Protein backbone atom coordinates (compact mmCIF):
# COMPACT_ATOMS: atom_id res chain seq x y z
CA UNK A 1 83.71 137.00 87.34
CA UNK A 2 80.10 135.89 86.75
CA UNK A 3 81.34 133.13 84.44
CA UNK A 4 83.85 132.00 87.05
CA UNK A 5 81.18 131.85 89.78
CA UNK A 6 78.88 129.89 87.45
CA UNK A 7 81.70 127.43 86.80
CA UNK A 8 82.32 126.86 90.53
CA UNK A 9 78.59 126.33 91.11
CA UNK A 10 78.37 123.75 88.34
CA UNK A 11 81.39 121.83 89.60
CA UNK A 12 80.06 121.73 93.15
CA UNK A 13 76.66 120.59 91.92
CA UNK A 14 77.75 117.76 89.58
CA UNK A 15 81.23 116.82 90.72
CA UNK A 16 82.37 113.72 88.79
CA UNK A 17 79.44 111.42 89.44
CA UNK A 18 79.16 108.47 87.10
CA UNK A 19 76.66 105.61 86.78
CA UNK A 20 76.69 102.43 84.69
CA UNK A 21 74.36 99.67 83.62
CA UNK A 22 74.01 96.30 85.31
CA UNK A 23 74.04 94.70 81.82
CA UNK A 24 77.82 95.17 81.64
CA UNK A 25 78.64 94.59 85.30
CA UNK A 26 80.85 91.60 84.38
CA UNK A 27 82.05 92.61 80.92
CA UNK A 28 82.62 96.24 81.93
CA UNK A 29 81.33 99.57 80.63
CA UNK A 30 83.67 101.04 77.99
CA UNK A 31 84.42 104.72 78.65
CA UNK A 32 85.34 106.29 75.32
CA UNK A 33 85.12 110.10 75.28
CA UNK A 34 86.00 112.62 78.00
CA UNK A 35 86.00 115.96 76.21
CA UNK A 36 82.78 117.89 76.83
CA UNK A 37 82.99 119.81 73.54
CA UNK A 38 83.27 116.74 71.35
CA UNK A 39 80.70 114.86 73.46
CA UNK A 40 78.21 117.65 72.70
CA UNK A 41 79.01 117.10 69.01
CA UNK A 42 78.05 113.43 69.19
CA UNK A 43 81.67 112.32 69.86
CA UNK A 44 82.40 112.84 66.15
CA UNK A 45 86.03 113.86 66.59
CA UNK A 46 88.27 111.61 64.48
CA UNK A 47 88.97 114.85 62.58
CA UNK A 48 88.49 118.40 63.84
CA UNK A 49 89.56 117.95 67.45
CA UNK A 50 91.19 120.93 69.15
CA UNK A 51 91.28 119.88 72.84
CA UNK A 52 93.68 117.58 74.64
CA UNK A 53 91.21 114.75 75.33
CA UNK A 54 90.30 114.61 71.62
CA UNK A 55 93.61 112.79 71.23
CA UNK A 56 92.09 109.82 73.06
CA UNK A 57 89.84 109.27 70.03
CA UNK A 58 92.57 109.97 67.46
CA UNK A 59 96.16 110.49 68.70
CA UNK A 60 96.86 112.65 65.64
CA UNK A 61 94.52 115.32 67.07
CA UNK A 62 97.28 116.14 69.55
CA UNK A 63 99.39 117.48 66.70
CA UNK A 64 96.79 120.15 65.91
CA UNK A 65 96.47 121.51 69.45
CA UNK A 66 97.81 125.01 68.85
CA UNK A 67 99.01 126.01 72.31
CA UNK A 68 102.50 125.31 73.61
CA UNK A 69 101.42 124.18 77.07
CA UNK A 70 98.08 123.06 78.43
CA UNK A 71 96.13 120.76 80.72
CA UNK A 72 92.57 119.53 80.98
CA UNK A 73 90.34 118.14 83.71
CA UNK A 74 86.97 116.46 83.15
CA UNK A 75 84.12 115.66 85.54
CA UNK A 76 81.27 113.44 84.41
CA UNK A 77 77.67 112.85 85.48
CA UNK A 78 75.51 110.02 84.10
CA UNK A 79 72.19 108.86 85.49
CA UNK A 80 71.07 105.37 84.48
CA UNK A 81 67.39 104.51 85.06
CA UNK A 82 66.87 100.73 84.78
CA UNK A 83 63.20 99.63 84.67
CA UNK A 84 62.27 95.93 84.49
CA UNK A 85 58.73 94.84 83.68
CA UNK A 86 56.63 91.71 83.11
CA UNK A 87 53.95 91.33 80.43
CA UNK A 88 50.45 91.13 81.93
CA UNK A 89 47.58 89.14 80.38
CA UNK A 90 43.83 89.13 81.09
CA UNK A 91 41.59 86.10 81.63
CA UNK A 92 41.30 85.70 77.85
CA UNK A 93 45.11 85.46 77.50
CA UNK A 94 45.20 88.83 75.75
CA UNK A 95 48.19 91.10 76.38
CA UNK A 96 47.27 94.10 78.53
CA UNK A 97 50.42 96.01 79.46
CA UNK A 98 53.87 95.75 81.01
CA UNK A 99 54.01 95.92 84.82
CA UNK A 100 57.23 97.36 86.24
CA UNK A 101 58.50 95.32 89.20
CA UNK A 102 61.97 96.85 89.70
CA UNK A 103 63.43 100.29 89.05
CA UNK A 104 67.00 101.33 89.85
CA UNK A 105 68.86 104.65 89.63
CA UNK A 106 72.50 104.78 90.75
CA UNK A 107 75.41 107.25 90.93
CA UNK A 108 79.18 106.68 91.10
CA UNK A 109 82.41 108.69 90.76
CA UNK A 110 85.05 109.08 88.03
CA UNK A 111 87.41 111.70 86.67
CA UNK A 112 90.14 112.23 84.07
CA UNK A 113 93.01 114.69 83.72
CA UNK A 114 96.03 115.27 81.51
CA UNK A 115 98.69 117.72 80.34
CA UNK A 116 100.52 118.38 77.07
CA UNK A 117 103.54 120.27 75.77
CA UNK A 118 104.52 121.07 72.19
CA UNK A 119 107.71 122.25 70.48
CA UNK A 120 108.23 123.60 66.97
CA UNK A 121 111.26 122.80 64.79
CA UNK A 122 111.14 124.57 61.45
CA UNK A 123 108.09 123.16 59.64
CA UNK A 124 107.56 120.30 62.10
CA UNK A 125 105.65 120.61 65.32
CA UNK A 126 106.01 117.86 67.92
CA UNK A 127 103.73 117.36 70.93
CA UNK A 128 103.71 115.04 73.93
CA UNK A 129 101.03 114.35 76.50
CA UNK A 130 100.27 112.28 79.59
CA UNK A 131 96.64 111.44 80.44
CA UNK A 132 95.08 109.48 83.30
CA UNK A 133 91.53 108.20 82.85
CA UNK A 134 89.20 105.27 83.54
CA UNK A 135 89.24 102.93 80.53
CA UNK A 136 86.57 100.42 81.57
CA UNK A 137 84.30 100.74 84.60
CA UNK A 138 82.61 97.90 86.46
CA UNK A 139 80.56 100.18 88.73
CA UNK A 140 76.87 99.28 88.84
CA UNK A 141 74.16 98.55 91.41
CA UNK A 142 70.86 96.69 91.37
CA UNK A 143 68.34 95.95 94.12
CA UNK A 144 64.85 94.47 94.29
CA UNK A 145 62.41 93.35 96.98
CA UNK A 146 60.48 90.09 97.12
CA UNK A 147 57.10 90.67 98.80
CA UNK A 148 54.12 88.61 99.93
CA UNK A 149 51.20 90.29 98.16
CA UNK A 150 48.51 88.60 100.25
CA UNK A 151 46.06 91.20 101.61
CA UNK A 152 47.68 93.94 99.50
CA UNK A 153 44.18 94.88 98.28
CA UNK A 154 43.04 95.55 101.84
CA UNK A 155 45.14 98.69 102.31
CA UNK A 156 47.93 96.68 103.91
CA UNK A 157 51.50 97.09 102.71
CA UNK A 158 52.83 93.69 101.52
CA UNK A 159 55.54 92.41 103.88
CA UNK A 160 59.08 91.94 102.57
CA UNK A 161 60.26 88.34 102.21
CA UNK A 162 63.80 89.05 100.96
CA UNK A 163 65.98 91.76 99.46
CA UNK A 164 68.18 90.97 96.46
CA UNK A 165 71.31 92.91 95.55
CA UNK A 166 73.95 93.05 92.82
CA UNK A 167 76.84 95.33 93.77
CA UNK A 168 79.72 95.74 91.34
CA UNK A 169 82.59 98.17 91.66
CA UNK A 170 86.06 98.73 90.27
CA UNK A 171 87.67 99.96 87.08
CA UNK A 172 90.49 99.40 84.62
CA UNK A 173 92.38 102.69 84.59
CA UNK A 174 94.64 103.93 81.83
CA UNK A 175 97.86 105.91 82.16
CA UNK A 176 98.56 107.03 78.60
CA UNK A 177 101.59 108.55 76.92
CA UNK A 178 100.81 110.24 73.58
CA UNK A 179 103.00 111.89 71.01
CA UNK A 180 102.24 113.44 67.62
CA UNK A 181 104.17 115.13 64.82
CA UNK A 182 102.66 117.71 62.47
CA UNK A 183 104.09 119.01 59.19
CA UNK A 184 103.18 122.60 58.22
CA UNK A 185 99.82 122.34 60.02
CA UNK A 186 98.84 120.13 57.11
CA UNK A 187 99.30 116.50 58.11
CA UNK A 188 99.76 114.84 61.49
CA UNK A 189 100.46 111.36 62.79
CA UNK A 190 100.23 110.25 66.42
CA UNK A 191 100.52 107.26 68.70
CA UNK A 192 99.15 106.41 72.15
CA UNK A 193 100.76 103.83 74.43
CA UNK A 194 98.77 103.02 77.56
CA UNK A 195 99.32 101.00 80.69
CA UNK A 196 95.99 99.42 81.68
CA UNK A 197 95.65 98.29 85.27
CA UNK A 198 92.68 97.71 87.57
CA UNK A 199 90.38 95.38 89.45
CA UNK A 200 86.69 94.60 89.97
CA UNK A 201 84.56 93.15 92.77
CA UNK A 202 81.05 91.87 92.18
CA UNK A 203 78.70 90.55 94.86
CA UNK A 204 75.26 88.98 94.32
CA UNK A 205 73.34 88.47 97.54
CA UNK A 206 69.91 87.40 98.79
CA UNK A 207 69.15 88.71 102.29
CA UNK A 208 66.12 87.27 104.06
CA UNK A 209 63.89 89.63 106.07
CA UNK A 210 63.13 89.28 109.78
CA UNK A 211 59.54 88.29 108.91
CA UNK A 212 60.81 85.44 106.73
CA UNK A 213 63.24 84.23 109.39
CA UNK A 214 60.46 84.20 111.99
CA UNK A 215 58.40 81.88 109.77
CA UNK A 216 61.32 79.62 108.73
CA UNK A 217 64.47 79.76 110.84
CA UNK A 218 66.48 77.43 108.57
CA UNK A 219 66.86 80.17 105.97
CA UNK A 220 70.39 81.49 105.40
CA UNK A 221 71.54 84.47 103.42
CA UNK A 222 73.27 83.70 100.11
CA UNK A 223 76.21 85.63 98.68
CA UNK A 224 78.17 84.95 95.47
CA UNK A 225 81.37 86.87 94.78
CA UNK A 226 83.64 87.50 91.80
CA UNK A 227 86.98 89.25 92.27
CA UNK A 228 89.32 89.96 89.36
CA UNK A 229 92.50 91.94 88.64
CA UNK A 230 93.38 93.11 85.12
CA UNK A 231 96.61 94.08 83.40
CA UNK A 232 97.46 94.92 79.77
CA UNK A 233 99.05 97.42 77.37
CA UNK A 234 97.22 99.31 74.63
CA UNK A 235 98.61 100.88 71.46
CA UNK A 236 96.55 103.22 69.27
CA UNK A 237 97.74 104.99 66.11
CA UNK A 238 96.14 107.75 64.10
CA UNK A 239 96.58 110.14 61.22
CA UNK A 240 94.97 113.42 60.22
CA UNK A 241 95.22 115.67 57.19
CA UNK A 242 93.85 119.12 56.34
CA UNK A 243 92.85 118.55 52.71
CA UNK A 244 92.22 122.27 52.30
CA UNK A 245 91.33 125.24 54.48
CA UNK A 246 87.83 123.90 55.13
CA UNK A 247 87.98 120.13 54.81
CA UNK A 248 89.85 117.62 56.99
CA UNK A 249 90.10 113.85 57.31
CA UNK A 250 91.21 111.66 60.22
CA UNK A 251 91.63 107.95 60.89
CA UNK A 252 92.53 105.98 64.05
CA UNK A 253 93.17 102.30 64.72
CA UNK A 254 93.43 100.31 67.97
CA UNK A 255 93.93 96.50 67.92
CA UNK A 256 92.16 94.14 70.29
CA UNK A 257 93.48 93.87 73.83
CA UNK A 258 93.80 90.56 75.67
CA UNK A 259 94.11 91.21 79.41
CA UNK A 260 95.97 89.13 81.94
CA UNK A 261 93.31 88.27 84.53
CA UNK A 262 93.70 86.84 88.03
CA UNK A 263 91.17 86.38 90.82
CA UNK A 264 88.54 83.98 92.09
CA UNK A 265 84.85 83.14 91.68
CA UNK A 266 83.26 81.97 94.95
CA UNK A 267 86.65 80.73 96.14
CA UNK A 268 87.52 79.03 92.82
CA UNK A 269 90.45 80.41 90.82
CA UNK A 270 89.19 82.23 87.72
CA UNK A 271 91.40 79.96 85.60
CA UNK A 272 88.98 77.13 86.46
CA UNK A 273 85.68 79.05 86.61
CA UNK A 274 83.49 78.81 83.51
CA UNK A 275 81.47 81.93 82.72
CA UNK A 276 79.33 80.36 79.98
CA UNK A 277 79.58 77.87 77.16
CA UNK A 278 78.30 77.26 73.62
CA UNK A 279 77.93 73.48 73.74
CA UNK A 280 78.83 70.13 75.26
CA UNK A 281 80.88 67.24 73.93
CA UNK A 282 79.95 63.55 74.21
CA UNK A 283 81.21 63.45 77.81
CA UNK A 284 79.08 66.45 78.86
CA UNK A 285 82.18 68.63 79.20
CA UNK A 286 81.72 72.30 78.20
CA UNK A 287 83.31 73.16 74.85
CA UNK A 288 84.15 76.57 73.42
CA UNK A 289 84.14 77.86 76.99
CA UNK A 290 84.32 81.50 77.94
CA UNK A 291 86.27 81.69 81.19
CA UNK A 292 86.25 84.39 83.82
CA UNK A 293 90.00 84.55 83.20
CA UNK A 294 89.37 85.74 79.62
CA UNK A 295 88.83 89.46 79.09
CA UNK A 296 89.14 90.99 75.60
CA UNK A 297 88.29 94.37 74.11
CA UNK A 298 87.63 94.46 70.34
CA UNK A 299 89.59 95.95 67.46
CA UNK A 300 88.38 99.45 66.56
CA UNK A 301 88.90 101.41 63.35
CA UNK A 302 87.46 104.93 63.13
CA UNK A 303 87.45 107.41 60.25
CA UNK A 304 85.94 110.86 60.09
CA UNK A 305 85.71 114.15 58.22
CA UNK A 306 85.48 117.75 59.42
CA UNK A 307 84.09 120.64 57.38
CA UNK A 308 83.98 124.41 57.95
CA UNK A 309 81.33 126.10 55.78
CA UNK A 310 81.74 129.64 54.48
CA UNK A 311 79.64 131.22 57.23
CA UNK A 312 80.05 134.70 58.72
CA UNK A 313 79.87 133.07 62.15
CA UNK A 314 82.16 130.08 62.63
CA UNK A 315 80.54 126.70 62.02
CA UNK A 316 82.06 123.22 62.24
CA UNK A 317 80.54 119.98 60.96
CA UNK A 318 82.00 116.58 61.94
CA UNK A 319 81.02 113.07 60.91
CA UNK A 320 82.63 109.74 61.99
CA UNK A 321 82.09 106.07 61.28
CA UNK A 322 83.67 103.35 63.43
CA UNK A 323 84.14 99.66 62.67
CA UNK A 324 84.13 97.48 65.81
CA UNK A 325 85.23 93.86 65.44
CA UNK A 326 83.01 92.34 68.14
CA UNK A 327 83.93 88.85 66.91
CA UNK A 328 87.29 89.39 68.67
CA UNK A 329 85.38 89.12 71.96
CA UNK A 330 83.09 86.21 71.12
CA UNK A 331 82.39 84.20 67.96
CA UNK A 332 78.64 84.66 68.52
CA UNK A 333 78.94 88.43 68.07
CA UNK A 334 78.71 90.18 64.70
CA UNK A 335 81.06 92.97 63.70
CA UNK A 336 79.29 96.32 63.83
CA UNK A 337 79.45 99.91 62.58
CA UNK A 338 78.88 102.89 64.87
CA UNK A 339 77.94 106.35 63.58
CA UNK A 340 78.69 109.79 65.01
CA UNK A 341 77.62 113.21 63.74
CA UNK A 342 77.92 116.71 65.24
CA UNK A 343 77.77 120.42 64.51
CA UNK A 344 79.00 123.57 66.30
CA UNK A 345 77.74 127.05 65.43
CA UNK A 346 78.95 130.24 67.10
CA UNK A 347 76.49 132.99 67.98
CA UNK A 348 77.09 136.75 67.91
CA UNK A 349 78.34 136.75 71.49
CA UNK A 350 80.76 133.90 70.59
CA UNK A 351 78.83 131.41 72.72
CA UNK A 352 78.73 128.22 70.62
CA UNK A 353 75.73 125.94 70.22
CA UNK A 354 76.68 122.28 69.77
CA UNK A 355 74.39 119.46 68.70
CA UNK A 356 75.08 115.83 67.91
CA UNK A 357 73.85 112.28 67.45
CA UNK A 358 75.49 108.86 67.64
CA UNK A 359 74.36 105.27 67.17
CA UNK A 360 76.23 102.41 68.84
CA UNK A 361 75.77 98.68 69.49
CA UNK A 362 76.57 96.38 72.40
CA UNK A 363 76.12 92.65 73.05
CA UNK A 364 75.19 90.35 75.92
CA UNK A 365 75.11 86.57 76.31
CA UNK A 366 72.12 84.50 77.48
CA UNK A 367 71.65 80.78 78.11
CA UNK A 368 68.65 78.86 76.82
CA UNK A 369 68.12 75.08 76.87
CA UNK A 370 71.78 74.42 77.55
CA UNK A 371 72.93 76.69 74.74
CA UNK A 372 74.09 80.30 74.59
CA UNK A 373 72.90 83.01 72.23
CA UNK A 374 73.96 86.62 71.74
CA UNK A 375 71.59 89.54 72.21
CA UNK A 376 72.31 92.60 70.03
CA UNK A 377 71.32 95.89 71.69
CA UNK A 378 71.35 99.27 69.91
CA UNK A 379 71.96 102.57 71.72
CA UNK A 380 70.96 105.83 69.97
CA UNK A 381 72.07 109.03 71.71
CA UNK A 382 71.27 112.74 71.29
CA UNK A 383 73.70 115.40 72.54
CA UNK A 384 73.90 119.16 73.05
CA UNK A 385 76.20 121.63 74.78
CA UNK A 386 78.04 124.93 74.88
CA UNK A 387 81.10 126.58 76.46
CA UNK A 388 82.83 129.84 77.34
CA UNK A 389 86.24 131.34 78.13
CA UNK A 390 87.12 132.81 81.53
CA UNK A 391 90.27 134.32 83.06
CA UNK A 392 91.69 134.60 79.51
CA UNK A 393 93.47 131.21 79.34
CA UNK A 394 90.73 128.94 80.71
CA UNK A 395 87.92 127.30 78.75
CA UNK A 396 84.88 125.67 80.29
CA UNK A 397 82.72 123.29 78.22
CA UNK A 398 79.56 121.47 79.18
CA UNK A 399 77.56 118.83 77.32
CA UNK A 400 74.32 116.94 77.82
CA UNK A 401 73.67 113.47 76.44
CA UNK A 402 70.46 111.44 76.39
CA UNK A 403 70.38 107.82 75.23
CA UNK A 404 68.11 104.83 75.61
CA UNK A 405 68.04 101.12 74.95
CA UNK A 406 65.64 98.21 75.37
CA UNK A 407 66.31 94.48 75.56
CA UNK A 408 64.90 91.24 76.97
CA UNK A 409 66.30 89.35 79.95
CA UNK A 410 65.39 86.66 82.46
CA UNK A 411 65.11 87.06 86.23
CA UNK A 412 68.39 88.05 87.83
CA UNK A 413 67.19 86.06 90.88
CA UNK A 414 65.12 82.95 89.90
CA UNK A 415 61.72 82.42 91.56
CA UNK A 416 62.50 78.84 92.63
CA UNK A 417 64.86 80.15 95.31
CA UNK A 418 61.82 81.31 97.34
CA UNK A 419 59.92 78.01 97.08
CA UNK A 420 59.14 77.52 100.79
CA UNK A 421 55.47 76.93 101.70
CA UNK A 422 55.99 78.43 105.16
CA UNK A 423 56.70 81.88 103.69
CA UNK A 424 53.37 82.28 101.88
CA UNK A 425 49.74 82.44 102.98
CA UNK A 426 48.38 80.29 100.15
CA UNK A 427 51.31 78.40 98.61
CA UNK A 428 48.95 76.03 96.76
CA UNK A 429 48.09 78.88 94.41
CA UNK A 430 51.69 79.81 93.69
CA UNK A 431 53.92 78.47 90.94
CA UNK A 432 57.61 78.88 91.64
CA UNK A 433 58.77 77.56 88.30
CA UNK A 434 61.59 79.71 86.90
CA UNK A 435 60.51 81.70 83.87
CA UNK A 436 62.14 80.95 80.53
CA UNK A 437 62.47 82.83 77.27
CA UNK A 438 58.83 82.17 76.45
CA UNK A 439 58.00 84.96 78.94
CA UNK A 440 61.05 87.20 79.49
CA UNK A 441 61.41 90.55 81.22
CA UNK A 442 61.42 93.75 79.21
CA UNK A 443 64.28 95.99 80.34
CA UNK A 444 64.14 99.67 79.45
CA UNK A 445 67.12 101.88 80.25
CA UNK A 446 67.50 105.61 79.87
CA UNK A 447 70.81 107.43 80.32
CA UNK A 448 71.18 111.14 81.00
CA UNK A 449 74.77 112.32 80.87
CA UNK A 450 76.39 115.60 81.87
CA UNK A 451 80.06 116.23 81.00
CA UNK A 452 82.12 119.21 82.15
CA UNK A 453 85.66 120.04 81.03
CA UNK A 454 88.09 122.71 82.16
CA UNK A 455 91.03 123.42 79.85
CA UNK A 456 94.03 125.64 80.41
CA UNK A 457 95.95 126.74 77.31
CA UNK A 458 99.05 128.91 77.29
């Protein structure tokens, strides 16, 4: 009963909140793993999975789920702290420190659930499952204030000139059908077929303050919008083999997905709206364009091993490596390898301790002098967690994940937009020239994730 009350308290405290980075507000935040146990083990689950949602990493894991009937529900919490800073220099042009000018922390909602059923025919076990989950999320928020710092050293709070916002919401959701066949609990093969459907709405706005409007009544608020709808099918295949009683191997493959995209950008159909470009021809027409109507997820190939040492108390060790063909998305991206490692060790009271680490890479595009270049950003993550059984057939798992990344970026709202002498006390001392890559922002992000899963097995 104490375990059950603890479970209810945790669910009420952290019910399916989710937060994402503004870096991927247009390209979307890929949501990979939903199982709290495997998340605590660094998401290293290509081999060794024993919960329903492990089949989302490798469909063959479904064939090794031992129970005849089961279901799983997952709630997720992730806090993203986005801090943007400028380098500060003294009168001798020597670097002093970074000064943070904007800090954002946001929370959003998501959830996933599914059910499975298995049947045994002689030496062959077959299993089927249906799972609903978010596949890619566009949820993110950003806000900053533009202030007049005159007299700020005289114990007066600088007045607000304008407030800037980026609000993005929406998701591509997946309704997946999975099936797997296992022979003598030795080898399994599985397939996932998913219907991907969703939409996104992004709004970038500059709202002038009452103080600014009093000084210059010609000012008008500015809002840019992007609305898109997405549709596609996904197919993922996987295999898994128990080489011996203690060693297993798994592999999963999912090809790239090209979505059908409709919508508009500031009233212009996305078919005609250019997102960015890599060059111009002799007539100054963009070439090698990346359109808002193009949305692609890369090919992924993952392989992993699982090992059970000869311990008195049960111990599991998992290790995965994943090849991601980022060049499917853009020719400026390099193909990358991601790494996942995790361990689970059971204590005397059967409460497991789970630890893990993973290392992933993402990309973003930036324009400079009429050209576009790709920025490679690495994301290391450390994970931990545990779990327990309650009411006999229910399992509750919880995991914690901490990750960080740092990259350079330009102003999301250029300074030249506020170039009105009437708004400032001493405009002759101000330079509203937009900053370039000779003096970019430093963006530091930290992510703290909390995953909870409830599984019923019968």
